[in-house]
Amino acid sequence: MGTAIRKISVIESYSDLPYLSALDERRKKRVAAYARVSTDSDEQLSSYEAQVDFYTQHINNTPEWEFVSVYTDEGISGTNTKKRDGFNRMIADALSGNIDLILTKSISRFARNTVDTLTTVRKLKEKGIEVYFEKENIYTLDAKGEVLITIMSSLAQEESRSISENITWGKKKSMEDGKITLPYKRFLGYEKGEDDLPRIVEKEAKIIRQIYRLFLDGKTFQTIAKHLTKQGIPTPGGKGKWSVSTVKSILINEKYKGDALLQKTFTVDFLTKTVRKNKGEQHQYYIENSHPAIITPETFDLVQNELSRRSPLKHQINNISPFAAKLVCSECGGYYGSKVWHSADKYRTQIWQCNRKYVDNKFCKTPHIREEELKFAFVQAFNRIIGDKEQYIAEFEAMLPFLADTSHLESKLKELQAEHSAMKVKIRSYIEENTHEVRDQTEYNRIHKSMLAEMTELKAQMRKVEDEIQEQTVRKEKIRHYLSELQQTVDILTEFDENIWQATVEQISIHPDKVLAFLFRDGTEILVEAGIAKAK
């Protein structure tokens, strides 16, 4: 038997295999394009539309190509690919075997991040998918492609860094000059004025004032959010449903009182675009009276004080009962919480009792209270005030200047500030003397430490007096708000009114003998027991 001779030929191209060559001719190259602009300006959008139109016609007019799609991203930065939906969808389609060639204007349009560019190109290259960068005339499957891409991507990334640094510098300079900008499309109450400063939109300003008023009336974040949603008022972002966080953000935003705290957040890295809350890493700038105010500074401060007062009561954010955070146990100082008895039958009753009643085997003797009892007791207590309303209001309005007089505190603060400044000068002089004279350094350090401690103590005293001034101011505004609500109440109450309850009652202290001590916002205390009101 003879040995068969095997012939091995080198196939230079598909043309050497007639049947494959014919198949390849019939199969057109599936081509897609990618277009992106990084801003929403009219000029950029015009460029964007031109790119889409050009690539659509160019691919369709090339006989060897089959049009897949023009993938687009509009108004999105190119420094990373995480938020670019069009780009990510294109890459997914390509890796799934639906695209053979991707056309794009330039490397900077594709991505300005070297790592993202090379990683994406290599993924596509492994699948035999080519990218053509028109401006640089680079085909990624070409032998020189990756070297050129690396160089060009690095240059594009440095360009992005330079632009980012220029923008950051510009923003910092604007802040130092006291110029403010607002995200007007998502900011309720203001629009951009002709002088580039915020201008009040009265229709929206009414909503802001309503939110502040409801909060001062005792409403919780959730109650306010539900109320606004029910009224059909759109959120700052144009949505129909209000959230607790949106309500809170409005209540703590100093811009509504005409001031502006700038650089609350900062961008950590120009590539990742990660934004963090500024906790001292960058300078902040506070500008007073930077634009027209929607809320008076007094009302704003009153709200901040109320927020601080409620802050320990974490449960109150989601508790919509009007009695939440109002009832206090006179024995342990704990708050009362709601309980439901006989929840599954006709005897269902909602009661309130001390949350610490059975904690650590310390049984508070204060009783539970039914909601009906609370409502009835409030009507009695309030009617004691409203019965003599005109005289009551007149007396308090006359006393108001004295109740919240801060003149003596302000004088004390000035004295402390003068002492603090003098001590700073003294310390500075002492340090300078030590540099020119030979001294016992142990003794020097002891005296220096003592002076620093004295200056720290003065600063603490200043803060304490400032807090007292703030408390007095807040108290004055609380009383004014309370008297205003009282003035609008014409008749005595015949039944429980939640709005009047929220606007007038600070808290109720519940005693073991079932005596309820109502503390009203003006400081008046009324005791109620078994339906009989007693003035204390």
Protein backbone atom coordinates (compact mmCIF):
# COMPACT_ATOMS: atom_id res chain seq x y z
CA MET A 1 0.00 0.00 0.00
CA GLY A 2 1.21 3.40 -0.83
CA THR A 3 1.26 6.25 1.70
CA ALA A 4 -1.26 9.04 0.97
CA ILE A 5 0.36 12.36 0.39
CA ARG A 6 -1.42 15.21 2.22
CA LYS A 7 -1.28 18.63 0.64
CA ILE A 8 -1.29 21.59 3.06
CA SER A 9 -1.93 24.98 1.53
CA VAL A 10 -1.68 28.40 3.14
CA ILE A 11 -4.92 30.33 2.65
CA GLU A 12 -4.00 33.93 2.04
CA SER A 13 -7.60 35.18 1.90
CA TYR A 14 -11.23 34.13 1.57
CA SER A 15 -10.82 34.49 -2.18
CA ASP A 16 -8.88 31.20 -2.09
CA LEU A 17 -12.11 29.52 -0.98
CA PRO A 18 -14.71 30.38 -3.64
CA TYR A 19 -17.75 29.38 -1.57
CA LEU A 20 -16.63 31.51 1.43
CA SER A 21 -15.72 34.42 -0.83
CA ALA A 22 -19.22 34.48 -2.30
CA LEU A 23 -20.74 34.28 1.18
CA ASP A 24 -18.59 37.18 2.37
CA GLU A 25 -19.65 39.33 -0.61
CA ARG A 26 -23.30 38.74 0.19
CA ARG A 27 -22.77 39.65 3.89
CA LYS A 28 -22.46 43.41 4.34
CA LYS A 29 -20.56 44.94 7.24
CA ARG A 30 -22.98 46.00 9.98
CA VAL A 31 -22.10 49.59 10.88
CA ALA A 32 -23.22 51.86 13.72
CA ALA A 33 -22.16 55.37 14.74
CA TYR A 34 -21.85 57.18 18.06
CA ALA A 35 -22.60 60.89 18.52
CA ARG A 36 -22.41 62.93 21.72
CA VAL A 37 -22.45 66.53 22.90
CA SER A 38 -21.57 67.53 26.46
CA THR A 39 -23.86 70.53 26.97
CA ASP A 40 -27.45 71.52 26.24
CA SER A 41 -26.52 74.79 24.47
CA ASP A 42 -28.17 75.57 21.11
CA GLU A 43 -24.81 75.47 19.32
CA GLN A 44 -23.97 72.05 20.71
CA LEU A 45 -27.43 70.66 19.95
CA SER A 46 -27.06 71.87 16.37
CA SER A 47 -23.73 69.99 16.16
CA TYR A 48 -25.39 66.93 17.68
CA GLU A 49 -28.19 66.90 15.09
CA ALA A 50 -25.64 67.39 12.29
CA GLN A 51 -23.61 64.38 13.51
CA VAL A 52 -26.68 62.13 13.60
CA ASP A 53 -27.79 63.24 10.11
CA PHE A 54 -24.29 62.84 8.63
CA TYR A 55 -23.68 59.32 9.96
CA THR A 56 -27.15 58.10 8.99
CA GLN A 57 -26.68 59.21 5.38
CA HIS A 58 -23.03 58.17 5.20
CA ILE A 59 -23.71 54.59 6.31
CA ASN A 60 -26.82 54.18 4.17
CA ASN A 61 -24.99 55.52 1.09
CA THR A 62 -22.10 53.05 1.41
CA PRO A 63 -23.03 49.86 -0.53
CA GLU A 64 -20.77 47.55 1.48
CA TRP A 65 -22.36 48.64 4.76
CA GLU A 66 -25.59 47.78 6.50
CA PHE A 67 -27.01 50.53 8.72
CA VAL A 68 -27.57 49.44 12.34
CA SER A 69 -28.19 52.66 14.27
CA VAL A 70 -26.75 55.99 15.39
CA TYR A 71 -26.36 55.74 19.16
CA THR A 72 -26.48 59.07 20.96
CA ASP A 73 -25.94 60.78 24.30
CA GLU A 74 -27.12 64.35 24.69
CA GLY A 75 -25.83 66.83 27.30
CA ILE A 76 -23.59 64.29 29.06
CA SER A 77 -19.91 64.68 29.94
CA GLY A 78 -17.48 62.28 28.35
CA THR A 79 -15.08 61.90 31.26
CA ASN A 80 -16.52 58.51 32.17
CA THR A 81 -18.95 56.03 30.65
CA LYS A 82 -21.11 55.11 33.65
CA LYS A 83 -24.05 57.44 32.91
CA ARG A 84 -23.92 57.33 29.11
CA ASP A 85 -26.91 55.17 28.26
CA GLY A 86 -26.55 55.42 24.48
CA PHE A 87 -22.85 54.53 24.62
CA ASN A 88 -23.40 51.59 26.97
CA ARG A 89 -26.28 50.26 24.86
CA MET A 90 -24.08 50.43 21.73
CA ILE A 91 -21.23 48.50 23.38
CA ALA A 92 -23.68 45.86 24.65
CA ASP A 93 -25.14 45.44 21.14
CA ALA A 94 -21.66 45.19 19.64
CA LEU A 95 -20.49 42.57 22.14
CA SER A 96 -23.71 40.64 21.46
CA GLY A 97 -22.63 40.29 17.81
CA ASN A 98 -24.89 42.87 16.20
CA ILE A 99 -22.23 45.40 15.09
CA ASP A 100 -19.02 44.99 13.08
CA LEU A 101 -17.83 48.60 12.83
CA ILE A 102 -18.44 51.73 14.95
CA LEU A 103 -17.88 55.21 13.53
CA THR A 104 -17.32 58.21 15.78
CA LYS A 105 -16.11 61.76 15.26
CA SER A 106 -13.06 61.67 17.55
CA ILE A 107 -11.50 60.06 20.61
CA SER A 108 -12.69 62.98 22.73
CA ARG A 109 -16.31 62.29 21.62
CA PHE A 110 -15.88 58.59 22.41
CA ALA A 111 -14.35 59.10 25.88
CA ARG A 112 -11.92 61.51 27.55
CA ASN A 113 -10.76 58.91 30.02
CA THR A 114 -7.74 56.92 28.82
CA VAL A 115 -8.65 53.85 30.87
CA ASP A 116 -12.25 53.78 29.64
CA THR A 117 -11.17 54.28 26.02
CA LEU A 118 -8.57 51.51 26.00
CA THR A 119 -10.66 49.08 28.04
CA THR A 120 -13.62 49.48 25.70
CA VAL A 121 -11.53 49.28 22.52
CA ARG A 122 -9.80 46.09 23.73
CA LYS A 123 -13.11 44.45 24.62
CA LEU A 124 -14.39 45.20 21.13
CA LYS A 125 -11.10 44.11 19.53
CA GLU A 126 -11.34 40.67 21.18
CA LYS A 127 -14.66 40.19 19.39
CA GLY A 128 -13.28 41.46 16.07
CA ILE A 129 -15.23 44.71 16.27
CA GLU A 130 -13.52 47.79 14.87
CA VAL A 131 -13.86 51.45 15.85
CA TYR A 132 -13.00 54.24 13.43
CA PHE A 133 -12.07 57.67 14.82
CA GLU A 134 -12.67 60.09 11.97
CA LYS A 135 -10.71 63.13 13.19
CA GLU A 136 -7.58 61.11 14.07
CA ASN A 137 -8.04 58.69 11.09
CA ILE A 138 -7.48 55.70 13.37
CA TYR A 139 -8.81 52.16 12.80
CA THR A 140 -8.54 50.18 16.03
CA LEU A 141 -7.85 46.84 14.29
CA ASP A 142 -4.86 48.40 12.58
CA ALA A 143 -1.48 47.40 14.09
CA LYS A 144 -0.68 51.01 14.99
CA GLY A 145 -4.16 51.72 16.30
CA GLU A 146 -3.68 51.01 19.99
CA VAL A 147 -0.46 53.02 20.30
CA LEU A 148 -2.08 56.03 18.67
CA ILE A 149 -5.22 55.65 20.77
CA THR A 150 -3.17 55.60 23.98
CA ILE A 151 -1.38 58.81 23.01
CA MET A 152 -4.50 60.59 21.78
CA SER A 153 -6.61 59.50 24.78
CA SER A 154 -3.99 60.80 27.21
CA LEU A 155 -4.01 64.16 25.46
CA ALA A 156 -7.81 64.25 25.55
CA GLN A 157 -7.78 63.38 29.26
CA GLU A 158 -5.35 66.20 30.01
CA GLU A 159 -7.57 68.55 28.03
CA SER A 160 -10.51 67.46 30.20
CA ARG A 161 -8.43 68.03 33.35
CA SER A 162 -7.50 71.52 32.17
CA ILE A 163 -11.14 72.39 31.40
CA SER A 164 -12.24 71.05 34.80
CA GLU A 165 -9.59 73.09 36.62
CA ASN A 166 -10.58 76.24 34.72
CA ILE A 167 -14.25 75.71 35.58
CA THR A 168 -13.38 75.09 39.25
CA TRP A 169 -11.27 78.25 39.34
CA GLY A 170 -14.09 80.24 37.73
CA LYS A 171 -16.63 78.99 40.26
CA LYS A 172 -14.29 79.77 43.16
CA LYS A 173 -13.68 83.30 41.84
CA SER A 174 -17.45 83.86 41.50
CA MET A 175 -17.99 82.70 45.09
CA GLU A 176 -15.24 84.98 46.37
CA ASP A 177 -16.93 87.86 44.50
CA GLY A 178 -20.24 87.02 46.18
CA LYS A 179 -21.98 85.87 43.00
CA ILE A 180 -24.58 83.16 43.45
CA THR A 181 -26.34 80.79 41.09
CA LEU A 182 -29.28 78.46 41.72
CA PRO A 183 -30.40 75.29 39.94
CA TYR A 184 -33.54 77.17 38.83
CA LYS A 185 -35.11 74.19 37.04
CA ARG A 186 -35.24 72.31 40.34
CA PHE A 187 -35.49 75.17 42.83
CA LEU A 188 -38.91 76.29 44.02
CA GLY A 189 -39.60 79.98 44.57
CA TYR A 190 -37.02 81.70 42.36
CA GLU A 191 -36.17 82.30 38.72
CA LYS A 192 -33.15 83.92 37.13
CA GLY A 193 -33.61 87.69 36.91
CA GLU A 194 -32.35 90.12 34.30
CA ASP A 195 -29.42 91.03 36.57
CA ASP A 196 -28.53 87.30 36.83
CA LEU A 197 -29.68 87.32 40.47
CA PRO A 198 -32.53 85.17 41.86
CA ARG A 199 -35.93 86.78 41.44
CA ILE A 200 -38.98 85.69 43.46
CA VAL A 201 -41.73 83.76 41.65
CA GLU A 202 -44.68 84.76 43.84
CA LYS A 203 -46.85 81.78 42.87
CA GLU A 204 -44.13 79.39 44.06
CA ALA A 205 -43.15 81.60 47.03
CA LYS A 206 -46.64 81.08 48.46
CA ILE A 207 -45.94 77.34 48.57
CA ILE A 208 -42.67 77.94 50.43
CA ARG A 209 -44.41 80.16 53.00
CA GLN A 210 -47.13 77.54 53.38
CA ILE A 211 -44.54 74.84 54.15
CA TYR A 212 -42.88 77.02 56.82
CA ARG A 213 -46.26 77.92 58.35
CA LEU A 214 -47.44 74.30 58.48
CA PHE A 215 -44.21 73.24 60.18
CA LEU A 216 -44.48 75.99 62.79
CA ASP A 217 -48.08 74.91 63.35
CA GLY A 218 -46.66 71.59 64.52
CA LYS A 219 -47.09 69.50 61.37
CA THR A 220 -44.54 66.75 60.70
CA PHE A 221 -42.54 66.43 57.48
CA GLN A 222 -44.73 63.56 56.34
CA THR A 223 -47.97 65.39 57.08
CA ILE A 224 -46.78 68.40 55.06
CA ALA A 225 -45.66 66.14 52.18
CA LYS A 226 -49.06 64.42 52.08
CA HIS A 227 -50.86 67.76 52.22
CA LEU A 228 -48.88 69.20 49.27
CA THR A 229 -49.35 66.00 47.26
CA LYS A 230 -53.10 66.04 47.91
CA GLN A 231 -53.26 69.68 46.75
CA GLY A 232 -51.68 68.67 43.44
CA ILE A 233 -48.69 70.98 43.92
CA PRO A 234 -45.68 69.78 41.87
CA THR A 235 -42.35 69.24 43.66
CA PRO A 236 -39.26 71.33 42.77
CA GLY A 237 -38.35 68.55 40.34
CA GLY A 238 -41.82 68.61 38.74
CA LYS A 239 -43.04 65.35 40.28
CA GLY A 240 -46.51 64.80 41.71
CA LYS A 241 -45.55 63.15 44.99
CA TRP A 242 -43.71 65.05 47.73
CA SER A 243 -41.18 63.27 49.95
CA VAL A 244 -40.11 63.90 53.53
CA SER A 245 -36.57 64.76 52.37
CA THR A 246 -37.83 67.41 49.91
CA VAL A 247 -39.88 69.14 52.61
CA LYS A 248 -36.94 69.08 55.01
CA SER A 249 -34.51 70.43 52.41
CA ILE A 250 -36.76 73.47 51.90
CA LEU A 251 -37.02 74.10 55.65
CA ILE A 252 -33.24 74.12 56.17
CA ASN A 253 -32.24 76.06 53.04
CA GLU A 254 -30.88 79.46 54.04
CA LYS A 255 -31.50 80.83 50.54
CA TYR A 256 -35.16 81.28 51.41
CA LYS A 257 -34.21 83.97 53.96
CA GLY A 258 -32.10 85.83 51.39
CA ASP A 259 -28.67 84.44 52.35
CA ALA A 260 -26.46 81.96 50.50
CA LEU A 261 -23.96 79.36 51.75
CA LEU A 262 -21.75 78.51 48.78
CA GLN A 263 -19.80 75.31 48.08
CA LYS A 264 -21.92 72.97 50.20
CA THR A 265 -20.59 70.17 48.00
CA PHE A 266 -17.50 69.70 45.86
CA THR A 267 -16.31 67.42 43.05
CA VAL A 268 -13.70 64.97 44.32
CA ASP A 269 -12.25 63.96 40.95
CA PHE A 270 -12.78 65.36 37.45
CA LEU A 271 -12.83 61.85 35.94
CA THR A 272 -15.31 60.11 38.24
CA LYS A 273 -17.39 63.28 38.81
CA THR A 274 -17.96 62.04 42.37
CA VAL A 275 -19.61 64.76 44.45
CA ARG A 276 -19.28 64.86 48.25
CA LYS A 277 -20.72 66.99 51.01
CA ASN A 278 -18.20 69.65 51.99
CA LYS A 279 -17.18 68.96 55.60
CA GLY A 280 -14.28 71.39 55.67
CA GLU A 281 -12.21 69.98 52.82
CA GLN A 282 -12.91 73.12 50.74
CA HIS A 283 -13.54 76.75 51.68
CA GLN A 284 -17.18 77.78 52.08
CA TYR A 285 -18.57 81.27 51.59
CA TYR A 286 -21.59 82.72 53.40
CA ILE A 287 -23.22 85.76 51.78
CA GLU A 288 -25.83 87.71 53.71
CA ASN A 289 -28.66 89.53 51.91
CA SER A 290 -27.46 88.17 48.59
CA HIS A 291 -30.96 88.18 47.04
CA PRO A 292 -34.63 88.89 47.90
CA ALA A 293 -35.96 86.80 50.80
CA ILE A 294 -39.15 84.73 50.71
CA ILE A 295 -39.04 83.95 54.45
CA THR A 296 -38.12 86.50 57.13
CA PRO A 297 -34.88 85.73 59.01
CA GLU A 298 -36.91 85.53 62.25
CA THR A 299 -39.23 82.87 60.80
CA PHE A 300 -36.28 80.93 59.40
CA ASP A 301 -34.52 80.96 62.79
CA LEU A 302 -37.73 79.91 64.50
CA VAL A 303 -37.98 76.89 62.18
CA GLN A 304 -34.33 75.92 62.81
CA ASN A 305 -34.98 76.08 66.56
CA GLU A 306 -38.07 73.88 66.16
CA LEU A 307 -36.10 71.41 64.03
CA SER A 308 -33.48 71.21 66.77
CA ARG A 309 -36.16 70.69 69.40
CA ARG A 310 -37.72 67.82 67.45
CA SER A 311 -34.44 66.20 66.36
CA PRO A 312 -34.14 63.70 69.25
CA LEU A 313 -37.61 62.42 68.38
CA LYS A 314 -36.66 60.25 65.44
CA HIS A 315 -40.07 58.59 65.35
CA GLN A 316 -41.92 61.85 64.82
CA ILE A 317 -40.80 62.18 61.22
CA ASN A 318 -43.13 59.38 60.14
CA ASN A 319 -45.74 59.74 62.89
CA ILE A 320 -48.66 61.78 61.61
CA SER A 321 -50.65 61.89 64.86
CA PRO A 322 -51.11 65.46 66.18
CA PHE A 323 -50.21 64.19 69.66
CA ALA A 324 -46.78 62.82 68.65
CA ALA A 325 -43.90 64.47 70.54
CA LYS A 326 -46.34 66.56 72.61
CA LEU A 327 -47.11 64.34 75.63
CA VAL A 328 -44.51 64.07 78.39
CA CYS A 329 -44.44 61.86 81.50
CA SER A 330 -44.05 64.06 84.60
CA GLU A 331 -42.20 61.27 86.47
CA CYS A 332 -39.45 60.14 84.10
CA GLY A 333 -39.52 62.88 81.46
CA GLY A 334 -40.09 60.34 78.69
CA TYR A 335 -42.49 60.85 75.82
CA TYR A 336 -45.84 59.14 75.54
CA GLY A 337 -46.41 56.76 72.65
CA SER A 338 -49.63 55.49 71.09
CA LYS A 339 -51.04 52.00 71.69
CA VAL A 340 -54.16 50.30 70.33
CA TRP A 341 -56.38 48.20 72.58
CA HIS A 342 -58.83 45.62 71.21
CA SER A 343 -57.57 46.24 67.70
CA ALA A 344 -59.62 43.39 66.21
CA ASP A 345 -63.04 44.01 67.77
CA LYS A 346 -65.68 46.71 68.26
CA TYR A 347 -64.03 47.91 71.48
CA ARG A 348 -60.98 49.18 69.60
CA THR A 349 -59.47 52.16 71.47
CA GLN A 350 -56.33 54.23 70.87
CA ILE A 351 -54.54 55.22 74.06
CA TRP A 352 -51.28 57.00 74.93
CA GLN A 353 -48.90 55.89 77.67
CA CYS A 354 -45.32 56.55 78.78
CA ASN A 355 -42.83 54.76 76.52
CA ARG A 356 -40.62 54.04 79.56
CA LYS A 357 -43.45 52.78 81.76
CA TYR A 358 -42.07 49.24 82.02
CA VAL A 359 -38.38 49.86 81.25
CA ASP A 360 -35.81 48.40 83.70
CA ASN A 361 -38.60 47.41 86.14
CA LYS A 362 -39.21 51.09 86.94
CA PHE A 363 -42.95 51.46 86.75
CA CYS A 364 -44.08 55.05 86.14
CA LYS A 365 -47.27 55.84 88.03
CA THR A 366 -48.50 58.18 85.33
CA PRO A 367 -51.71 56.84 83.75
CA HIS A 368 -52.56 56.05 80.17
CA ILE A 369 -54.76 58.63 78.43
CA ARG A 370 -57.43 58.02 75.80
CA GLU A 371 -57.40 60.32 72.78
CA GLU A 372 -60.96 61.41 73.54
CA GLU A 373 -59.80 62.60 76.97
CA LEU A 374 -56.90 64.53 75.43
CA LYS A 375 -59.15 66.29 72.94
CA PHE A 376 -61.78 67.17 75.54
CA ALA A 377 -59.13 68.47 77.96
CA PHE A 378 -57.58 70.66 75.25
CA VAL A 379 -60.96 72.24 74.45
CA GLN A 380 -61.37 73.11 78.15
CA ALA A 381 -57.86 74.52 78.52
CA PHE A 382 -58.00 76.56 75.32
CA ASN A 383 -61.41 78.04 76.13
CA ARG A 384 -60.01 79.39 79.40
CA ILE A 385 -57.72 81.55 77.26
CA ILE A 386 -60.09 82.40 74.45
CA GLY A 387 -62.83 83.45 76.87
CA ASP A 388 -60.76 86.48 77.84
CA LYS A 389 -59.00 86.73 74.49
CA GLU A 390 -58.79 90.49 73.89
CA GLN A 391 -57.43 91.30 77.35
CA TYR A 392 -55.12 88.28 77.22
CA ILE A 393 -53.63 89.32 73.85
CA ALA A 394 -53.33 92.98 74.88
CA GLU A 395 -51.43 92.04 78.05
CA PHE A 396 -49.01 89.80 76.19
CA GLU A 397 -48.38 92.31 73.40
CA ALA A 398 -47.51 94.89 76.06
CA MET A 399 -45.19 92.42 77.78
CA LEU A 400 -43.57 91.13 74.58
CA PRO A 401 -40.71 93.70 74.42
CA PHE A 402 -39.69 92.76 77.97
CA LEU A 403 -40.16 88.99 77.59
CA ALA A 404 -37.59 88.84 74.80
CA ASP A 405 -35.31 91.73 75.77
CA THR A 406 -31.75 90.82 74.79
CA SER A 407 -30.06 94.18 75.41
CA HIS A 408 -28.29 93.01 78.60
CA LEU A 409 -27.11 89.83 76.84
CA GLU A 410 -25.83 91.82 73.86
CA SER A 411 -23.86 94.10 76.22
CA LYS A 412 -22.38 91.05 77.93
CA LEU A 413 -21.45 89.59 74.54
CA LYS A 414 -19.61 92.77 73.56
CA GLU A 415 -17.63 92.66 76.81
CA LEU A 416 -16.63 89.05 76.22
CA GLN A 417 -15.67 89.78 72.60
CA ALA A 418 -13.45 92.66 73.79
CA GLU A 419 -11.77 90.40 76.37
CA HIS A 420 -11.30 87.68 73.75
CA SER A 421 -9.66 90.13 71.32
CA ALA A 422 -7.41 91.51 74.05
CA MET A 423 -6.30 88.00 75.00
CA LYS A 424 -5.44 87.22 71.36
CA VAL A 425 -3.23 90.33 71.26
CA LYS A 426 -1.65 89.37 74.57
CA ILE A 427 -0.82 85.86 73.38
CA ARG A 428 0.63 87.15 70.11
CA SER A 429 2.86 89.62 72.00
CA TYR A 430 3.97 86.92 74.43
CA ILE A 431 5.00 84.66 71.53
CA GLU A 432 6.93 87.48 69.83
CA GLU A 433 8.74 88.37 73.07
CA ASN A 434 9.80 84.75 73.44
CA THR A 435 11.52 84.88 70.05
CA HIS A 436 13.64 87.90 71.09
CA GLU A 437 14.44 87.07 74.70
CA VAL A 438 16.05 84.13 76.44
CA ARG A 439 13.44 82.55 78.72
CA ASP A 440 12.81 79.40 80.69
CA GLN A 441 10.81 77.43 78.11
CA THR A 442 9.09 75.29 80.73
CA GLU A 443 7.70 78.41 82.39
CA TYR A 444 6.93 79.93 78.98
CA ASN A 445 4.93 76.85 77.94
CA ARG A 446 3.01 76.86 81.25
CA ILE A 447 1.97 80.51 80.89
CA HIS A 448 1.22 80.11 77.19
CA LYS A 449 -0.98 77.09 77.91
CA SER A 450 -2.78 79.01 80.66
CA MET A 451 -3.52 81.95 78.33
CA LEU A 452 -4.82 79.61 75.63
CA ALA A 453 -7.11 77.96 78.16
CA GLU A 454 -8.43 81.38 79.23
CA MET A 455 -9.10 82.33 75.61
CA THR A 456 -10.93 79.02 75.03
CA GLU A 457 -13.08 79.67 78.09
CA LEU A 458 -13.94 83.16 76.83
CA LYS A 459 -14.93 81.69 73.48
CA ALA A 460 -17.19 79.14 75.23
CA GLN A 461 -18.85 81.92 77.23
CA MET A 462 -19.42 83.90 74.02
CA ARG A 463 -21.11 80.91 72.40
CA LYS A 464 -23.31 80.44 75.46
CA VAL A 465 -24.46 84.08 75.41
CA GLU A 466 -25.06 83.89 71.64
CA ASP A 467 -27.24 80.80 72.21
CA GLU A 468 -29.19 82.65 74.91
CA ILE A 469 -29.77 85.59 72.55
CA GLN A 470 -30.96 83.17 69.90
CA GLU A 471 -33.32 81.45 72.36
CA GLN A 472 -34.80 84.78 73.43
CA THR A 473 -35.31 85.82 69.81
CA VAL A 474 -36.94 82.50 68.96
CA ARG A 475 -39.18 82.76 72.01
CA LYS A 476 -40.31 86.21 70.91
CA GLU A 477 -41.18 84.92 67.43
CA LYS A 478 -43.00 81.93 68.90
CA ILE A 479 -45.18 84.19 71.01
CA ARG A 480 -45.88 86.46 68.05
CA HIS A 481 -46.88 83.47 65.93
CA TYR A 482 -49.06 82.13 68.76
CA LEU A 483 -50.83 85.48 69.31
CA SER A 484 -51.43 85.79 65.58
CA GLU A 485 -53.14 82.39 65.51
CA LEU A 486 -55.11 83.29 68.62
CA GLN A 487 -56.28 86.57 67.08
CA GLN A 488 -57.76 84.69 64.12
CA THR A 489 -59.79 82.36 66.37
CA VAL A 490 -63.15 84.06 66.78
CA ASP A 491 -65.26 81.76 68.95
CA ILE A 492 -64.68 79.38 71.79
CA LEU A 493 -64.10 75.77 70.76
CA THR A 494 -66.94 73.25 70.89
CA GLU A 495 -64.81 70.39 69.59
CA PHE A 496 -61.16 69.50 69.04
CA ASP A 497 -59.46 71.52 66.25
CA GLU A 498 -56.14 70.01 65.13
CA ASN A 499 -54.86 73.20 63.48
CA ILE A 500 -55.39 75.28 66.63
CA TRP A 501 -53.89 72.47 68.72
CA GLN A 502 -50.71 72.39 66.62
CA ALA A 503 -50.39 76.19 66.55
CA THR A 504 -50.86 76.84 70.27
CA VAL A 505 -49.70 73.89 72.40
CA GLU A 506 -46.01 73.42 73.19
CA GLN A 507 -46.46 70.23 75.23
CA ILE A 508 -48.59 68.50 77.88
CA SER A 509 -47.11 67.14 81.09
CA ILE A 510 -49.14 64.19 82.40
CA HIS A 511 -49.24 63.64 86.18
CA PRO A 512 -50.06 60.48 88.20
CA ASP A 513 -53.42 61.86 89.39
CA LYS A 514 -54.48 62.31 85.76
CA VAL A 515 -53.90 66.05 85.85
CA LEU A 516 -52.86 67.37 82.45
CA ALA A 517 -50.60 70.46 82.48
CA PHE A 518 -51.00 72.24 79.14
CA LEU A 519 -48.02 74.45 78.30
CA PHE A 520 -48.98 76.95 75.60
CA ARG A 521 -46.46 78.56 73.27
CA ASP A 522 -46.56 81.87 75.12
CA GLY A 523 -45.51 80.18 78.36
CA THR A 524 -49.00 80.05 79.92
CA GLU A 525 -49.75 76.81 81.78
CA ILE A 526 -53.31 75.51 82.32
CA LEU A 527 -54.10 72.47 84.48
CA VAL A 528 -57.05 70.26 83.56
CA GLU A 529 -58.42 67.41 85.67
CA ALA A 530 -61.53 65.35 84.91
CA GLY A 531 -62.94 68.11 82.72
CA ILE A 532 -62.33 70.94 85.23
CA ALA A 533 -59.81 73.61 84.15
CA LYS A 534 -57.63 75.27 86.75
CA ALA A 535 -55.27 78.17 86.08
CA LYS A 536 -51.89 77.68 87.69
